[in-house]
Amino acid sequence: MTDDFPSVIRCLVATARLKDRLRQIPNGYVYTQPETNWDSVKVLGRHPSFLRLCTAVLEHRTGNPRMAKKNKWNLTMEGVEADVEAYNVAICLSNGWHDFVTNGEAIAIPKVWPPQPAQGGGVAGAGKRSIAGIKLVVDWLGSGLKPVSISIAEKRAAICASCPQNQEGDFWQRIGAVAAQQVKTLVEVKNDLQLRTSQDDKLHSCQACDCYLKLKVHCELKHVLANTSEDTKKRLDPNCWILKEAE
């Protein structure tokens, strides 16, 4: 497991919250909107207040209605605050800043992932790596950073296991070295979270959507649909769980 992911892994299983939104975390509150590459540090600079950050995120989202609709972004202040809080809780947990979150002490951070001190001004060092890790997992699970229940994943996996579009093929060569490393890293995250189905050994890649099925069966439907074009939907097998759940 790389150093990028301790925060994300813990965030997925934690119920931690910020203890005080008026209290800055080390390096300040940050947020990125991966679908548009919007970065709060570039827009607001360092250490914006939690309210100012959430207001800016909401303005960005409402100012991009097409992207908002496509990605099903939260467009209420309450929803934005929840997204921003989860993002910054993840950063706190990755760096061992448990004084800033509730219930963080109940989450075991393995000793092989020691907290690393921030470097220089703002988000750097371990904090920067954590943000990179969060972006990658957001690409997998969506901004909510939550997998579906194992029962849902099991039903999906059973469908994929017998689907003619489920083929071993040349997936790893086809997606390229960088993408392959990212997928393999996410598989490590999945395994660390114990996100497994009884069909995992039968799951390969989907020839219709070009996705790695061991990961995809754990995604929330709204995130899957937001990243599935109409052309891709036409290539899916008629019995695909994506089509069935979207009905």
Protein backbone atom coordinates (compact mmCIF):
# COMPACT_ATOMS: atom_id res chain seq x y z
CA MET A 1 0.00 0.00 0.00
CA THR A 2 1.31 3.45 -0.90
CA ASP A 3 1.49 6.40 1.50
CA ASP A 4 -1.33 8.10 -0.43
CA PHE A 5 -4.22 6.13 1.00
CA PRO A 6 -4.34 5.80 4.80
CA SER A 7 -6.74 8.75 5.07
CA VAL A 8 -9.06 7.53 2.36
CA ILE A 9 -9.22 3.99 3.67
CA ARG A 10 -10.07 5.19 7.15
CA CYS A 11 -12.59 7.74 5.85
CA LEU A 12 -14.56 5.05 4.08
CA VAL A 13 -15.21 3.13 7.29
CA ALA A 14 -15.26 5.97 9.79
CA THR A 15 -18.05 8.01 11.29
CA ALA A 16 -15.60 10.72 12.27
CA ARG A 17 -16.62 14.38 12.10
CA LEU A 18 -14.79 17.64 12.58
CA LYS A 19 -14.85 18.64 16.24
CA ASP A 20 -15.09 22.36 15.47
CA ARG A 21 -15.59 23.78 12.00
CA LEU A 22 -14.44 27.18 13.26
CA ARG A 23 -11.04 25.74 14.16
CA GLN A 24 -8.58 25.44 11.30
CA ILE A 25 -6.87 22.11 10.72
CA PRO A 26 -3.11 22.16 10.05
CA ASN A 27 -2.43 23.69 6.62
CA GLY A 28 -6.04 24.90 6.49
CA TYR A 29 -9.26 23.57 5.01
CA VAL A 30 -9.06 22.50 1.38
CA TYR A 31 -11.30 20.94 -1.24
CA THR A 32 -11.03 19.85 -4.85
CA GLN A 33 -13.79 19.10 -7.34
CA PRO A 34 -12.14 16.36 -9.39
CA GLU A 35 -14.58 16.48 -12.29
CA THR A 36 -13.58 20.09 -13.09
CA ASN A 37 -10.12 20.20 -11.49
CA TRP A 38 -11.36 23.02 -9.25
CA ASP A 39 -8.86 23.54 -6.45
CA SER A 40 -9.72 25.70 -3.43
CA VAL A 41 -6.09 26.66 -2.81
CA LYS A 42 -5.84 28.17 -6.30
CA VAL A 43 -9.11 30.04 -5.86
CA LEU A 44 -9.10 31.03 -2.19
CA GLY A 45 -5.49 30.71 -1.14
CA ARG A 46 -4.50 29.14 2.15
CA HIS A 47 -6.60 28.82 5.30
CA PRO A 48 -10.08 29.91 4.18
CA SER A 49 -12.74 29.59 6.83
CA PHE A 50 -14.94 26.51 6.62
CA LEU A 51 -17.92 28.70 5.67
CA ARG A 52 -16.01 30.61 3.01
CA LEU A 53 -14.74 27.36 1.52
CA CYS A 54 -18.21 25.81 1.42
CA THR A 55 -19.66 28.97 -0.10
CA ALA A 56 -17.03 28.90 -2.84
CA VAL A 57 -17.65 25.22 -3.55
CA LEU A 58 -21.40 25.84 -3.77
CA GLU A 59 -20.86 28.80 -6.11
CA HIS A 60 -18.62 26.65 -8.31
CA ARG A 61 -21.16 23.86 -8.45
CA THR A 62 -24.17 26.05 -9.13
CA GLY A 63 -22.12 27.92 -11.74
CA ASN A 64 -21.62 24.67 -13.64
CA PRO A 65 -25.18 23.34 -14.04
CA ARG A 66 -24.31 20.79 -16.73
CA MET A 67 -21.55 19.23 -14.67
CA ALA A 68 -23.72 19.43 -11.57
CA LYS A 69 -26.48 17.50 -13.27
CA LYS A 70 -24.12 14.98 -14.85
CA ASN A 71 -22.29 14.24 -11.61
CA LYS A 72 -25.29 14.69 -9.30
CA TRP A 73 -23.46 17.15 -7.08
CA ASN A 74 -25.00 18.32 -3.84
CA LEU A 75 -26.34 21.81 -4.56
CA THR A 76 -27.47 22.76 -1.06
CA MET A 77 -25.25 24.34 1.52
CA GLU A 78 -25.94 21.44 3.87
CA GLY A 79 -24.85 18.93 1.23
CA VAL A 80 -21.73 20.90 0.33
CA GLU A 81 -20.78 21.20 4.01
CA ALA A 82 -21.05 17.42 4.36
CA ASP A 83 -18.81 16.86 1.32
CA VAL A 84 -16.21 19.39 2.47
CA GLU A 85 -16.23 18.00 5.99
CA ALA A 86 -15.71 14.41 4.82
CA TYR A 87 -12.84 15.54 2.61
CA ASN A 88 -11.03 17.34 5.42
CA VAL A 89 -11.74 14.61 7.98
CA ALA A 90 -9.98 12.23 5.59
CA ILE A 91 -6.94 14.50 5.51
CA CYS A 92 -6.88 14.76 9.30
CA LEU A 93 -7.03 10.99 9.73
CA SER A 94 -4.26 10.41 7.21
CA ASN A 95 -1.90 12.62 9.17
CA GLY A 96 -2.89 11.43 12.63
CA TRP A 97 -4.52 14.75 13.55
CA HIS A 98 -7.10 13.06 15.78
CA ASP A 99 -7.50 16.14 17.98
CA PHE A 100 -9.45 17.76 15.16
CA VAL A 101 -12.02 15.00 14.64
CA THR A 102 -14.54 13.06 16.72
CA ASN A 103 -14.27 9.28 16.95
CA GLY A 104 -10.96 9.45 15.13
CA GLU A 105 -9.29 7.75 18.06
CA ALA A 106 -11.34 4.62 17.34
CA ILE A 107 -9.73 4.19 13.93
CA ALA A 108 -6.53 2.17 13.98
CA ILE A 109 -3.82 3.69 11.80
CA PRO A 110 -1.29 0.91 11.05
CA LYS A 111 2.25 1.59 12.19
CA VAL A 112 3.49 1.07 8.65
CA TRP A 113 1.72 4.34 7.82
CA PRO A 114 3.18 6.78 10.38
CA PRO A 115 1.85 10.35 10.27
CA GLN A 116 4.22 12.62 8.36
CA PRO A 117 4.66 16.28 9.25
CA ALA A 118 3.52 18.93 6.81
CA GLN A 119 6.28 20.67 4.88
CA GLY A 120 6.55 24.30 3.98
CA GLY A 121 3.59 26.60 3.57
CA GLY A 122 0.21 25.04 3.09
CA VAL A 123 -0.73 21.60 1.85
CA ALA A 124 2.48 19.74 1.11
CA GLY A 125 4.30 16.53 1.89
CA ALA A 126 1.96 13.98 3.42
CA GLY A 127 -1.02 16.30 3.09
CA LYS A 128 -0.48 16.67 -0.63
CA ARG A 129 -0.10 12.94 -1.09
CA SER A 130 -3.30 12.39 0.87
CA ILE A 131 -5.18 14.75 -1.42
CA ALA A 132 -3.85 12.88 -4.45
CA GLY A 133 -5.09 9.64 -2.89
CA ILE A 134 -8.51 11.11 -2.20
CA LYS A 135 -8.82 12.24 -5.81
CA LEU A 136 -8.10 8.73 -7.03
CA VAL A 137 -10.65 7.13 -4.73
CA VAL A 138 -13.20 9.79 -5.69
CA ASP A 139 -12.76 8.62 -9.27
CA TRP A 140 -13.65 5.13 -8.05
CA LEU A 141 -16.43 5.69 -5.50
CA GLY A 142 -17.56 9.26 -6.05
CA SER A 143 -17.27 12.31 -3.81
CA GLY A 144 -19.17 10.58 -1.01
CA LEU A 145 -16.29 8.06 -0.67
CA LYS A 146 -18.76 5.31 0.25
CA PRO A 147 -19.06 1.85 -1.30
CA VAL A 148 -22.43 0.15 -1.67
CA SER A 149 -23.37 -2.58 0.78
CA ILE A 150 -21.79 -6.00 0.34
CA SER A 151 -25.21 -7.50 -0.41
CA ILE A 152 -25.65 -5.16 -3.38
CA ALA A 153 -22.09 -5.82 -4.54
CA GLU A 154 -22.76 -9.57 -4.34
CA LYS A 155 -25.86 -9.31 -6.55
CA ARG A 156 -23.96 -7.26 -9.08
CA ALA A 157 -20.96 -9.59 -9.04
CA ALA A 158 -23.19 -12.60 -9.70
CA ILE A 159 -24.53 -10.87 -12.82
CA CYS A 160 -21.07 -9.85 -14.00
CA ALA A 161 -19.63 -13.32 -13.41
CA SER A 162 -21.96 -14.86 -16.00
CA CYS A 163 -21.99 -11.90 -18.38
CA PRO A 164 -20.50 -12.44 -21.86
CA GLN A 165 -18.92 -8.98 -21.64
CA ASN A 166 -16.82 -10.12 -18.66
CA GLN A 167 -13.52 -11.06 -20.30
CA GLU A 168 -9.91 -11.34 -19.17
CA GLY A 169 -8.62 -9.95 -22.46
CA ASP A 170 -5.67 -7.57 -22.47
CA PHE A 171 -7.08 -5.10 -19.95
CA TRP A 172 -3.80 -4.25 -18.23
CA GLN A 173 -1.95 -3.65 -21.48
CA ARG A 174 -4.86 -1.73 -22.97
CA ILE A 175 -5.18 0.88 -20.22
CA GLY A 176 -1.49 1.76 -20.06
CA ALA A 177 1.12 1.67 -17.30
CA VAL A 178 -0.03 4.69 -15.28
CA ALA A 179 -3.69 3.71 -15.27
CA ALA A 180 -2.77 0.12 -14.49
CA GLN A 181 -0.82 1.21 -11.42
CA GLN A 182 -3.76 3.33 -10.26
CA VAL A 183 -6.18 0.41 -10.65
CA LYS A 184 -3.82 -1.90 -8.77
CA THR A 185 -3.51 0.66 -5.98
CA LEU A 186 -7.30 0.89 -5.73
CA VAL A 187 -7.48 -2.89 -5.54
CA GLU A 188 -5.18 -2.66 -2.52
CA VAL A 189 -7.53 -0.11 -0.98
CA LYS A 190 -10.50 -2.38 -1.70
CA ASN A 191 -8.78 -5.33 -0.09
CA ASP A 192 -7.79 -3.31 2.95
CA LEU A 193 -11.43 -2.35 3.36
CA GLN A 194 -12.38 -6.02 3.04
CA LEU A 195 -14.67 -5.23 0.13
CA ARG A 196 -14.94 -8.70 -1.36
CA THR A 197 -17.60 -10.78 -3.06
CA SER A 198 -17.84 -14.52 -3.48
CA GLN A 199 -17.47 -14.00 -7.25
CA ASP A 200 -14.21 -12.03 -7.20
CA ASP A 201 -12.17 -14.80 -8.81
CA LYS A 202 -14.58 -14.74 -11.77
CA LEU A 203 -14.56 -10.97 -12.26
CA HIS A 204 -12.28 -9.48 -14.90
CA SER A 205 -12.91 -6.42 -17.08
CA CYS A 206 -16.05 -5.40 -18.94
CA GLN A 207 -15.59 -5.25 -22.69
CA ALA A 208 -18.51 -2.82 -22.97
CA CYS A 209 -17.49 -0.16 -20.45
CA ASP A 210 -13.78 -1.07 -20.12
CA CYS A 211 -14.00 -1.11 -16.31
CA TYR A 212 -12.33 -3.41 -13.81
CA LEU A 213 -15.28 -5.26 -12.35
CA LYS A 214 -13.80 -6.13 -8.95
CA LEU A 215 -13.86 -2.40 -8.28
CA LYS A 216 -16.96 -1.36 -10.18
CA VAL A 217 -19.43 -3.59 -8.34
CA HIS A 218 -18.78 -1.51 -5.18
CA CYS A 219 -19.63 1.89 -6.75
CA GLU A 220 -22.82 3.78 -6.00
CA LEU A 221 -25.17 3.71 -8.99
CA LYS A 222 -25.34 7.49 -9.31
CA HIS A 223 -21.56 7.66 -9.70
CA VAL A 224 -21.59 4.82 -12.22
CA LEU A 225 -24.32 6.50 -14.28
CA ALA A 226 -22.56 9.86 -14.14
CA ASN A 227 -19.56 8.25 -15.80
CA THR A 228 -21.40 6.07 -18.32
CA SER A 229 -22.11 7.60 -21.72
CA GLU A 230 -25.15 6.78 -23.80
CA ASP A 231 -22.93 4.99 -26.31
CA THR A 232 -21.51 2.83 -23.54
CA LYS A 233 -24.98 1.97 -22.29
CA LYS A 234 -25.86 0.68 -25.75
CA ARG A 235 -22.92 -1.72 -25.60
CA LEU A 236 -23.86 -3.15 -22.22
CA ASP A 237 -25.38 -6.60 -22.04
CA PRO A 238 -29.21 -6.40 -21.70
CA ASN A 239 -28.95 -8.14 -18.31
CA CYS A 240 -26.33 -5.71 -16.96
CA TRP A 241 -27.01 -4.59 -13.39
CA ILE A 242 -26.37 -0.98 -14.41
CA LEU A 243 -29.38 -1.04 -16.71
CA LYS A 244 -31.53 -2.96 -14.26
CA GLU A 245 -30.79 -0.65 -11.30
CA ALA A 246 -31.33 2.45 -13.43
CA GLU A 247 -34.86 1.41 -14.39
